Amino acid sequence: MNNVDYIVKKSGSSFFWSMRLLPKAKREAMYTIYAFCRHIDDIVDGNLSLKEKQELLSAWREEIDNIYDKKVPATEIGRRIYKNCMRFKLPKEEFIKLIDAISMDVPHPMQAPKMKDFLSYCRGVAGVPGNLSLRIFGCHNEKIIEELSTSLGTALQITNILRDVKEDAQANRVYIPKEYLKKASITSHKPSDVIVDKNLVTARQELAKMAEEDFDKAYQLIPLLDKESARPIRAIAAIYKKYFDIMKNRGWEIISPKPNISKFNKFSLALRAYFGK
């Protein structure tokens, strides 16, 4: 099994199950995009020194330049991007935007970002994959691509943040915007303090409201896509909305354990959404 396939399958992510139903060319392109995103994320989250992380991120910016300058890529993932993705006319700036967004956790883990920075982060780490995915799926309407990738990407990333709040705090991170912590009367931005603050539930409720608004926007936009482009988008949205609903139904005061959806249920959700059931 090659490295890209291994990265995607090993992750066990919701993404994997929602992409399995795609035609081969689109599936390989999507797996390549996911492997790229995961690899950049692993660089930032890994145990390398700050200098090594910065050098690798810089090298990846050069690798993207090479791909778009039609030079031979230096990495396997880079070669797969060139082979599997360039036929879909993906914008170079989206790849750079993702690297920049993930790099917001370097040199220091993100802690209570301002709302402006939070939205930029969500657009980069989740909106970029959505933007690229819509192009691979066959959407050519730039307005729909931008609006749908931004709204659904933000909803998905907030779902991740709400789901992983305890795990992020243990990694010395707080992704909840500063404005929402202030609204909840949480004065300390230190992760170990935030995670035990009795008012954390209020901050999570505010963040959940934002996610619901973005899910609603996305669900209004998805019907504007053609049938084939809409299917995989509905599948990934269905799985993440299920995670969101599990957390909402049990109460935002509960941060552990993380909600769980079995592989079988993920695939079932993806299948029903894919075929519009």
C-alpha atoms as a PDB file:
ATOM      1  CA  MET A   1       0.000   0.000   0.000  1.00  0.00           C
ATOM      2  CA  ASN A   2       1.464   3.398  -0.945  1.00  0.00           C
ATOM      3  CA  ASN A   3       1.984   6.161   1.601  1.00  0.00           C
ATOM      4  CA  VAL A   4      -1.065   8.253   0.630  1.00  0.00           C
ATOM      5  CA  ASP A   5      -3.474   5.329   0.887  1.00  0.00           C
ATOM      6  CA  TYR A   6      -1.896   4.318   4.182  1.00  0.00           C
ATOM      7  CA  ILE A   7      -2.291   7.801   5.684  1.00  0.00           C
ATOM      8  CA  VAL A   8      -5.961   7.982   4.712  1.00  0.00           C
ATOM      9  CA  LYS A   9      -6.936   4.461   5.759  1.00  0.00           C
ATOM     10  CA  LYS A  10      -4.976   4.578   9.027  1.00  0.00           C
ATOM     11  CA  SER A  11      -6.736   7.790  10.061  1.00  0.00           C
ATOM     12  CA  GLY A  12     -10.138   6.103  10.249  1.00  0.00           C
ATOM     13  CA  SER A  13     -11.587   9.551   9.632  1.00  0.00           C
ATOM     14  CA  SER A  14     -15.125  10.484   8.667  1.00  0.00           C
ATOM     15  CA  PHE A  15     -13.594  11.756   5.448  1.00  0.00           C
ATOM     16  CA  PHE A  16     -12.477   8.244   4.455  1.00  0.00           C
ATOM     17  CA  TRP A  17     -15.963   6.771   4.720  1.00  0.00           C
ATOM     18  CA  SER A  18     -17.644   9.618   2.864  1.00  0.00           C
ATOM     19  CA  MET A  19     -15.210   9.407  -0.082  1.00  0.00           C
ATOM     20  CA  ARG A  20     -15.278   5.659  -0.696  1.00  0.00           C
ATOM     21  CA  LEU A  21     -18.256   5.924  -3.040  1.00  0.00           C
ATOM     22  CA  LEU A  22     -16.581   8.313  -5.483  1.00  0.00           C
ATOM     23  CA  PRO A  23     -15.364   7.274  -8.944  1.00  0.00           C
ATOM     24  CA  LYS A  24     -11.705   6.209  -8.903  1.00  0.00           C
ATOM     25  CA  ALA A  25     -10.128   9.396 -10.313  1.00  0.00           C
ATOM     26  CA  LYS A  26     -12.027  11.666  -7.943  1.00  0.00           C
ATOM     27  CA  ARG A  27     -11.466   9.313  -4.998  1.00  0.00           C
ATOM     28  CA  GLU A  28      -7.708   9.232  -5.586  1.00  0.00           C
ATOM     29  CA  ALA A  29      -7.603  13.024  -5.851  1.00  0.00           C
ATOM     30  CA  MET A  30      -9.567  13.391  -2.624  1.00  0.00           C
ATOM     31  CA  TYR A  31      -7.395  10.891  -0.759  1.00  0.00           C
ATOM     32  CA  THR A  32      -4.335  12.796  -1.958  1.00  0.00           C
ATOM     33  CA  ILE A  33      -5.745  16.105  -0.687  1.00  0.00           C
ATOM     34  CA  TYR A  34      -6.555  14.504   2.661  1.00  0.00           C
ATOM     35  CA  ALA A  35      -3.057  12.992   2.943  1.00  0.00           C
ATOM     36  CA  PHE A  36      -1.526  16.399   2.227  1.00  0.00           C
ATOM     37  CA  CYS A  37      -3.674  18.095   4.898  1.00  0.00           C
ATOM     38  CA  ARG A  38      -2.925  15.362   7.410  1.00  0.00           C
ATOM     39  CA  HIS A  39       0.803  15.490   6.699  1.00  0.00           C
ATOM     40  CA  ILE A  40       1.019  19.266   7.242  1.00  0.00           C
ATOM     41  CA  ASP A  41      -1.018  18.906  10.433  1.00  0.00           C
ATOM     42  CA  ASP A  42       1.313  16.164  11.675  1.00  0.00           C
ATOM     43  CA  ILE A  43       4.335  18.404  11.112  1.00  0.00           C
ATOM     44  CA  VAL A  44       2.854  21.100  13.346  1.00  0.00           C
ATOM     45  CA  ASP A  45       1.558  18.659  15.970  1.00  0.00           C
ATOM     46  CA  GLY A  46       4.691  16.512  16.045  1.00  0.00           C
ATOM     47  CA  ASN A  47       7.670  16.496  18.392  1.00  0.00           C
ATOM     48  CA  LEU A  48      10.109  18.180  16.019  1.00  0.00           C
ATOM     49  CA  SER A  49      11.997  21.277  17.103  1.00  0.00           C
ATOM     50  CA  LEU A  50      10.596  24.666  16.141  1.00  0.00           C
ATOM     51  CA  LYS A  51      13.389  25.112  13.605  1.00  0.00           C
ATOM     52  CA  GLU A  52      12.637  21.736  11.997  1.00  0.00           C
ATOM     53  CA  LYS A  53       8.916  22.504  11.793  1.00  0.00           C
ATOM     54  CA  GLN A  54       9.575  25.882  10.186  1.00  0.00           C
ATOM     55  CA  GLU A  55      12.007  24.347   7.704  1.00  0.00           C
ATOM     56  CA  LEU A  56       9.530  21.622   6.712  1.00  0.00           C
ATOM     57  CA  LEU A  57       6.674  24.096   6.285  1.00  0.00           C
ATOM     58  CA  SER A  58       8.926  26.297   4.165  1.00  0.00           C
ATOM     59  CA  ALA A  59       9.936  23.255   2.119  1.00  0.00           C
ATOM     60  CA  TRP A  60       6.275  22.478   1.485  1.00  0.00           C
ATOM     61  CA  ARG A  61       5.667  25.976   0.200  1.00  0.00           C
ATOM     62  CA  GLU A  62       8.546  25.358  -2.220  1.00  0.00           C
ATOM     63  CA  GLU A  63       7.058  21.968  -3.137  1.00  0.00           C
ATOM     64  CA  ILE A  64       3.755  23.625  -4.054  1.00  0.00           C
ATOM     65  CA  ASP A  65       5.704  26.139  -6.150  1.00  0.00           C
ATOM     66  CA  ASN A  66       7.430  23.236  -7.927  1.00  0.00           C
ATOM     67  CA  ILE A  67       4.133  21.508  -8.668  1.00  0.00           C
ATOM     68  CA  TYR A  68       2.627  24.642 -10.216  1.00  0.00           C
ATOM     69  CA  ASP A  69       5.865  25.486 -12.068  1.00  0.00           C
ATOM     70  CA  LYS A  70       5.704  21.945 -13.536  1.00  0.00           C
ATOM     71  CA  LYS A  71       8.980  20.922 -11.934  1.00  0.00           C
ATOM     72  CA  VAL A  72       9.542  17.443 -10.529  1.00  0.00           C
ATOM     73  CA  PRO A  73       8.079  17.310  -6.976  1.00  0.00           C
ATOM     74  CA  ALA A  74      10.487  16.149  -4.265  1.00  0.00           C
ATOM     75  CA  THR A  75       7.993  14.173  -2.164  1.00  0.00           C
ATOM     76  CA  GLU A  76       5.643  11.267  -2.743  1.00  0.00           C
ATOM     77  CA  ILE A  77       2.611  13.293  -1.705  1.00  0.00           C
ATOM     78  CA  GLY A  78       3.780  16.100  -3.991  1.00  0.00           C
ATOM     79  CA  ARG A  79       4.031  13.663  -6.902  1.00  0.00           C
ATOM     80  CA  ARG A  80       0.556  12.361  -6.126  1.00  0.00           C
ATOM     81  CA  ILE A  81      -0.812  15.925  -6.034  1.00  0.00           C
ATOM     82  CA  TYR A  82       0.725  16.493  -9.471  1.00  0.00           C
ATOM     83  CA  LYS A  83      -0.586  13.185 -10.827  1.00  0.00           C
ATOM     84  CA  ASN A  84      -4.042  13.036  -9.237  1.00  0.00           C
ATOM     85  CA  CYS A  85      -5.118  16.609  -8.620  1.00  0.00           C
ATOM     86  CA  MET A  86      -3.840  18.988 -11.277  1.00  0.00           C
ATOM     87  CA  ARG A  87      -6.379  17.760 -13.834  1.00  0.00           C
ATOM     88  CA  PHE A  88      -9.050  19.404 -11.669  1.00  0.00           C
ATOM     89  CA  LYS A  89      -7.477  22.880 -11.988  1.00  0.00           C
ATOM     90  CA  LEU A  90      -7.042  23.454  -8.267  1.00  0.00           C
ATOM     91  CA  PRO A  91      -5.881  26.980  -7.257  1.00  0.00           C
ATOM     92  CA  LYS A  92      -2.350  27.171  -5.889  1.00  0.00           C
ATOM     93  CA  GLU A  93      -3.359  29.812  -3.346  1.00  0.00           C
ATOM     94  CA  GLU A  94      -5.673  27.352  -1.594  1.00  0.00           C
ATOM     95  CA  PHE A  95      -2.783  25.001  -0.791  1.00  0.00           C
ATOM     96  CA  ILE A  96      -0.748  27.918   0.564  1.00  0.00           C
ATOM     97  CA  LYS A  97      -3.733  29.163   2.564  1.00  0.00           C
ATOM     98  CA  LEU A  98      -3.993  25.771   4.272  1.00  0.00           C
ATOM     99  CA  ILE A  99      -0.287  25.715   5.162  1.00  0.00           C
ATOM    100  CA  ASP A 100      -0.590  29.253   6.564  1.00  0.00           C
ATOM    101  CA  ALA A 101      -3.644  28.363   8.661  1.00  0.00           C
ATOM    102  CA  ILE A 102      -2.174  25.196  10.171  1.00  0.00           C
ATOM    103  CA  SER A 103       1.006  27.183  10.858  1.00  0.00           C
ATOM    104  CA  MET A 104      -0.984  29.457  13.187  1.00  0.00           C
ATOM    105  CA  ASP A 105      -0.130  26.890  15.895  1.00  0.00           C
ATOM    106  CA  VAL A 106       3.579  27.666  15.355  1.00  0.00           C
ATOM    107  CA  PRO A 107       5.645  28.762  17.246  1.00  0.00           C
ATOM    108  CA  HIS A 108       3.071  28.682  20.054  1.00  0.00           C
ATOM    109  CA  PRO A 109      -0.140  26.642  20.354  1.00  0.00           C
ATOM    110  CA  MET A 110      -3.195  28.751  19.639  1.00  0.00           C
ATOM    111  CA  GLN A 111      -4.931  30.014  22.768  1.00  0.00           C
ATOM    112  CA  ALA A 112      -8.171  32.014  22.644  1.00  0.00           C
ATOM    113  CA  PRO A 113      -7.734  33.591  19.198  1.00  0.00           C
ATOM    114  CA  LYS A 114      -9.578  36.756  18.277  1.00  0.00           C
ATOM    115  CA  MET A 115     -12.673  36.071  16.198  1.00  0.00           C
ATOM    116  CA  LYS A 116     -11.043  37.396  13.033  1.00  0.00           C
ATOM    117  CA  ASP A 117      -8.129  34.997  13.447  1.00  0.00           C
ATOM    118  CA  PHE A 118     -10.464  32.152  14.385  1.00  0.00           C
ATOM    119  CA  LEU A 119     -12.464  32.576  11.176  1.00  0.00           C
ATOM    120  CA  SER A 120      -9.257  32.703   9.119  1.00  0.00           C
ATOM    121  CA  TYR A 121      -8.094  29.535  10.832  1.00  0.00           C
ATOM    122  CA  CYS A 122     -11.354  27.715  10.064  1.00  0.00           C
ATOM    123  CA  ARG A 123     -11.305  28.923   6.446  1.00  0.00           C
ATOM    124  CA  GLY A 124      -7.780  27.604   6.057  1.00  0.00           C
ATOM    125  CA  VAL A 125      -7.843  24.249   7.831  1.00  0.00           C
ATOM    126  CA  ALA A 126     -11.385  23.220   6.851  1.00  0.00           C
ATOM    127  CA  GLY A 127     -12.522  25.638   4.148  1.00  0.00           C
ATOM    128  CA  VAL A 128      -9.552  24.871   1.910  1.00  0.00           C
ATOM    129  CA  PRO A 129     -10.258  21.120   1.767  1.00  0.00           C
ATOM    130  CA  GLY A 130     -13.883  21.984   1.010  1.00  0.00           C
ATOM    131  CA  ASN A 131     -12.898  24.454  -1.695  1.00  0.00           C
ATOM    132  CA  LEU A 132     -10.612  21.923  -3.377  1.00  0.00           C
ATOM    133  CA  SER A 133     -13.127  19.110  -2.929  1.00  0.00           C
ATOM    134  CA  LEU A 134     -15.948  21.000  -4.626  1.00  0.00           C
ATOM    135  CA  ARG A 135     -13.718  21.535  -7.656  1.00  0.00           C
ATOM    136  CA  ILE A 136     -12.831  17.847  -7.753  1.00  0.00           C
ATOM    137  CA  PHE A 137     -16.494  16.898  -7.449  1.00  0.00           C
ATOM    138  CA  GLY A 138     -17.288  19.031 -10.499  1.00  0.00           C
ATOM    139  CA  CYS A 139     -18.538  22.396  -9.234  1.00  0.00           C
ATOM    140  CA  HIS A 140     -17.404  25.375 -11.352  1.00  0.00           C
ATOM    141  CA  ASN A 141     -19.419  28.185  -9.774  1.00  0.00           C
ATOM    142  CA  GLU A 142     -16.841  30.259  -7.873  1.00  0.00           C
ATOM    143  CA  LYS A 143     -19.453  31.982  -5.701  1.00  0.00           C
ATOM    144  CA  ILE A 144     -20.971  28.690  -4.542  1.00  0.00           C
ATOM    145  CA  ILE A 145     -17.512  27.154  -4.036  1.00  0.00           C
ATOM    146  CA  GLU A 146     -16.435  30.009  -1.768  1.00  0.00           C
ATOM    147  CA  GLU A 147     -19.683  30.336   0.201  1.00  0.00           C
ATOM    148  CA  LEU A 148     -20.244  26.609   0.682  1.00  0.00           C
ATOM    149  CA  SER A 149     -16.642  25.738   1.531  1.00  0.00           C
ATOM    150  CA  THR A 150     -16.521  28.577   4.061  1.00  0.00           C
ATOM    151  CA  SER A 151     -19.840  27.837   5.781  1.00  0.00           C
ATOM    152  CA  LEU A 152     -19.564  24.057   5.834  1.00  0.00           C
ATOM    153  CA  GLY A 153     -15.845  24.187   6.609  1.00  0.00           C
ATOM    154  CA  THR A 154     -16.477  26.434   9.616  1.00  0.00           C
ATOM    155  CA  ALA A 155     -19.294  24.171  10.843  1.00  0.00           C
ATOM    156  CA  LEU A 156     -17.099  21.073  10.547  1.00  0.00           C
ATOM    157  CA  GLN A 157     -14.112  22.685  12.235  1.00  0.00           C
ATOM    158  CA  ILE A 158     -16.216  23.988  15.117  1.00  0.00           C
ATOM    159  CA  THR A 159     -17.606  20.473  15.522  1.00  0.00           C
ATOM    160  CA  ASN A 160     -14.020  19.222  15.785  1.00  0.00           C
ATOM    161  CA  ILE A 161     -13.181  21.914  18.344  1.00  0.00           C
ATOM    162  CA  LEU A 162     -16.237  21.160  20.467  1.00  0.00           C
ATOM    163  CA  ARG A 163     -15.506  17.431  20.283  1.00  0.00           C
ATOM    164  CA  ASP A 164     -11.789  17.765  21.090  1.00  0.00           C
ATOM    165  CA  VAL A 165     -11.890  20.541  23.695  1.00  0.00           C
ATOM    166  CA  LYS A 166     -10.383  18.388  26.467  1.00  0.00           C
ATOM    167  CA  GLU A 167      -7.759  16.847  24.215  1.00  0.00           C
ATOM    168  CA  ASP A 168      -6.788  20.286  22.887  1.00  0.00           C
ATOM    169  CA  ALA A 169      -6.429  21.661  26.429  1.00  0.00           C
ATOM    170  CA  GLN A 170      -4.086  18.795  27.264  1.00  0.00           C
ATOM    171  CA  ALA A 171      -2.019  19.868  24.248  1.00  0.00           C
ATOM    172  CA  ASN A 172      -1.966  23.430  25.659  1.00  0.00           C
ATOM    173  CA  ARG A 173      -4.495  24.758  23.135  1.00  0.00           C
ATOM    174  CA  VAL A 174      -7.773  26.659  23.359  1.00  0.00           C
ATOM    175  CA  TYR A 175      -9.439  27.266  20.015  1.00  0.00           C
ATOM    176  CA  ILE A 176     -12.587  28.894  21.448  1.00  0.00           C
ATOM    177  CA  PRO A 177     -12.533  32.570  20.396  1.00  0.00           C
ATOM    178  CA  LYS A 178     -11.522  35.154  22.972  1.00  0.00           C
ATOM    179  CA  GLU A 179     -14.846  36.963  22.535  1.00  0.00           C
ATOM    180  CA  TYR A 180     -16.816  33.869  23.573  1.00  0.00           C
ATOM    181  CA  LEU A 181     -14.629  33.251  26.614  1.00  0.00           C
ATOM    182  CA  LYS A 182     -15.154  36.853  27.670  1.00  0.00           C
ATOM    183  CA  LYS A 183     -18.918  36.541  27.143  1.00  0.00           C
ATOM    184  CA  ALA A 184     -18.855  33.476  29.408  1.00  0.00           C
ATOM    185  CA  SER A 185     -16.885  35.451  32.053  1.00  0.00           C
ATOM    186  CA  ILE A 186     -13.830  33.226  31.629  1.00  0.00           C
ATOM    187  CA  THR A 187     -10.918  35.544  32.334  1.00  0.00           C
ATOM    188  CA  SER A 188      -7.997  33.117  32.136  1.00  0.00           C
ATOM    189  CA  HIS A 189      -6.945  31.831  28.707  1.00  0.00           C
ATOM    190  CA  LYS A 190      -4.675  29.194  30.161  1.00  0.00           C
ATOM    191  CA  PRO A 191      -5.949  25.835  28.817  1.00  0.00           C
ATOM    192  CA  SER A 192      -5.748  24.090  32.196  1.00  0.00           C
ATOM    193  CA  ASP A 193      -7.915  26.852  33.691  1.00  0.00           C
ATOM    194  CA  VAL A 194     -10.413  27.068  30.822  1.00  0.00           C
ATOM    195  CA  ILE A 195     -11.116  23.346  30.778  1.00  0.00           C
ATOM    196  CA  VAL A 196     -12.216  23.292  34.446  1.00  0.00           C
ATOM    197  CA  ASP A 197     -14.052  26.636  34.464  1.00  0.00           C
ATOM    198  CA  LYS A 198     -17.734  26.227  35.386  1.00  0.00           C
ATOM    199  CA  ASN A 199     -18.618  28.739  32.648  1.00  0.00           C
ATOM    200  CA  LEU A 200     -17.042  26.702  29.856  1.00  0.00           C
ATOM    201  CA  VAL A 201     -20.502  25.389  28.994  1.00  0.00           C
ATOM    202  CA  THR A 202     -21.600  28.931  28.082  1.00  0.00           C
ATOM    203  CA  ALA A 203     -18.638  29.455  25.754  1.00  0.00           C
ATOM    204  CA  ARG A 204     -19.288  26.095  24.094  1.00  0.00           C
ATOM    205  CA  GLN A 205     -22.963  26.985  23.641  1.00  0.00           C
ATOM    206  CA  GLU A 206     -21.985  30.201  21.866  1.00  0.00           C
ATOM    207  CA  LEU A 207     -19.615  28.327  19.596  1.00  0.00           C
ATOM    208  CA  ALA A 208     -22.310  25.722  18.917  1.00  0.00           C
ATOM    209  CA  LYS A 209     -24.716  28.481  17.815  1.00  0.00           C
ATOM    210  CA  MET A 210     -22.176  29.583  15.236  1.00  0.00           C
ATOM    211  CA  ALA A 211     -21.826  26.017  13.979  1.00  0.00           C
ATOM    212  CA  GLU A 212     -25.605  25.616  13.666  1.00  0.00           C
ATOM    213  CA  GLU A 213     -25.846  28.819  11.642  1.00  0.00           C
ATOM    214  CA  ASP A 214     -23.107  27.602   9.315  1.00  0.00           C
ATOM    215  CA  PHE A 215     -24.650  24.149   8.976  1.00  0.00           C
ATOM    216  CA  ASP A 216     -27.916  25.889   8.024  1.00  0.00           C
ATOM    217  CA  LYS A 217     -26.134  28.043   5.416  1.00  0.00           C
ATOM    218  CA  ALA A 218     -24.449  24.983   3.976  1.00  0.00           C
ATOM    219  CA  TYR A 219     -27.679  22.999   3.756  1.00  0.00           C
ATOM    220  CA  GLN A 220     -29.250  25.899   1.860  1.00  0.00           C
ATOM    221  CA  LEU A 221     -26.364  25.936  -0.629  1.00  0.00           C
ATOM    222  CA  ILE A 222     -25.945  22.198  -1.224  1.00  0.00           C
ATOM    223  CA  PRO A 223     -29.171  21.917  -3.308  1.00  0.00           C
ATOM    224  CA  LEU A 224     -27.662  24.474  -5.726  1.00  0.00           C
ATOM    225  CA  LEU A 225     -25.026  21.918  -6.717  1.00  0.00           C
ATOM    226  CA  ASP A 226     -25.577  19.390  -9.461  1.00  0.00           C
ATOM    227  CA  LYS A 227     -26.511  15.899  -8.295  1.00  0.00           C
ATOM    228  CA  GLU A 228     -23.045  14.345  -8.621  1.00  0.00           C
ATOM    229  CA  SER A 229     -21.247  17.229  -6.876  1.00  0.00           C
ATOM    230  CA  ALA A 230     -23.784  17.312  -4.044  1.00  0.00           C
ATOM    231  CA  ARG A 231     -23.619  13.628  -3.124  1.00  0.00           C
ATOM    232  CA  PRO A 232     -20.196  13.500  -1.393  1.00  0.00           C
ATOM    233  CA  ILE A 233     -20.813  16.882   0.255  1.00  0.00           C
ATOM    234  CA  ARG A 234     -24.051  15.592   1.764  1.00  0.00           C
ATOM    235  CA  ALA A 235     -22.203  12.513   3.001  1.00  0.00           C
ATOM    236  CA  ILE A 236     -19.461  14.342   4.893  1.00  0.00           C
ATOM    237  CA  ALA A 237     -21.968  16.893   6.252  1.00  0.00           C
ATOM    238  CA  ALA A 238     -24.215  14.097   7.545  1.00  0.00           C
ATOM    239  CA  ILE A 239     -21.435  12.442   9.528  1.00  0.00           C
ATOM    240  CA  TYR A 240     -20.252  15.664  11.157  1.00  0.00           C
ATOM    241  CA  LYS A 241     -23.798  16.798  11.877  1.00  0.00           C
ATOM    242  CA  LYS A 242     -24.315  13.488  13.672  1.00  0.00           C
ATOM    243  CA  TYR A 243     -21.307  14.197  15.896  1.00  0.00           C
ATOM    244  CA  PHE A 244     -22.665  17.678  16.562  1.00  0.00           C
ATOM    245  CA  ASP A 245     -26.142  16.408  17.409  1.00  0.00           C
ATOM    246  CA  ILE A 246     -24.776  13.782  19.808  1.00  0.00           C
ATOM    247  CA  MET A 247     -22.974  16.511  21.758  1.00  0.00           C
ATOM    248  CA  LYS A 248     -25.911  18.896  21.658  1.00  0.00           C
ATOM    249  CA  ASN A 249     -28.379  16.267  22.845  1.00  0.00           C
ATOM    250  CA  ARG A 250     -26.277  15.163  25.787  1.00  0.00           C
ATOM    251  CA  GLY A 251     -25.521  18.769  26.855  1.00  0.00           C
ATOM    252  CA  TRP A 252     -22.628  21.168  26.261  1.00  0.00           C
ATOM    253  CA  GLU A 253     -21.505  20.821  29.873  1.00  0.00           C
ATOM    254  CA  ILE A 254     -20.252  17.304  29.022  1.00  0.00           C
ATOM    255  CA  ILE A 255     -16.763  17.299  27.496  1.00  0.00           C
ATOM    256  CA  SER A 256     -15.822  13.664  28.013  1.00  0.00           C
ATOM    257  CA  PRO A 257     -15.934  11.069  26.611  1.00  0.00           C
ATOM    258  CA  LYS A 258     -15.747  12.247  23.025  1.00  0.00           C
ATOM    259  CA  PRO A 259     -18.791  11.260  20.951  1.00  0.00           C
ATOM    260  CA  ASN A 260     -18.256   8.109  18.974  1.00  0.00           C
ATOM    261  CA  ILE A 261     -19.731   6.824  15.723  1.00  0.00           C
ATOM    262  CA  SER A 262     -18.778   3.313  14.665  1.00  0.00           C
ATOM    263  CA  LYS A 263     -17.271   2.648  11.238  1.00  0.00           C
ATOM    264  CA  PHE A 264     -20.441   0.803  10.254  1.00  0.00           C
ATOM    265  CA  ASN A 265     -22.648   3.723  11.263  1.00  0.00           C
ATOM    266  CA  LYS A 266     -20.366   6.228   9.528  1.00  0.00           C
ATOM    267  CA  PHE A 267     -20.591   4.272   6.323  1.00  0.00           C
ATOM    268  CA  SER A 268     -24.365   3.903   6.728  1.00  0.00           C
ATOM    269  CA  LEU A 269     -24.755   7.656   7.270  1.00  0.00           C
ATOM    270  CA  ALA A 270     -22.567   8.374   4.260  1.00  0.00           C
ATOM    271  CA  LEU A 271     -24.474   5.880   2.118  1.00  0.00           C
ATOM    272  CA  ARG A 272     -27.907   7.290   3.020  1.00  0.00           C
ATOM    273  CA  ALA A 273     -26.779  10.873   2.481  1.00  0.00           C
ATOM    274  CA  TYR A 274     -24.962  10.021  -0.752  1.00  0.00           C
ATOM    275  CA  PHE A 275     -28.103   8.567  -2.288  1.00  0.00           C
ATOM    276  CA  GLY A 276     -30.361  11.186  -0.753  1.00  0.00           C
ATOM    277  CA  LYS A 277     -32.116   8.963   1.759  1.00  0.00           C
END
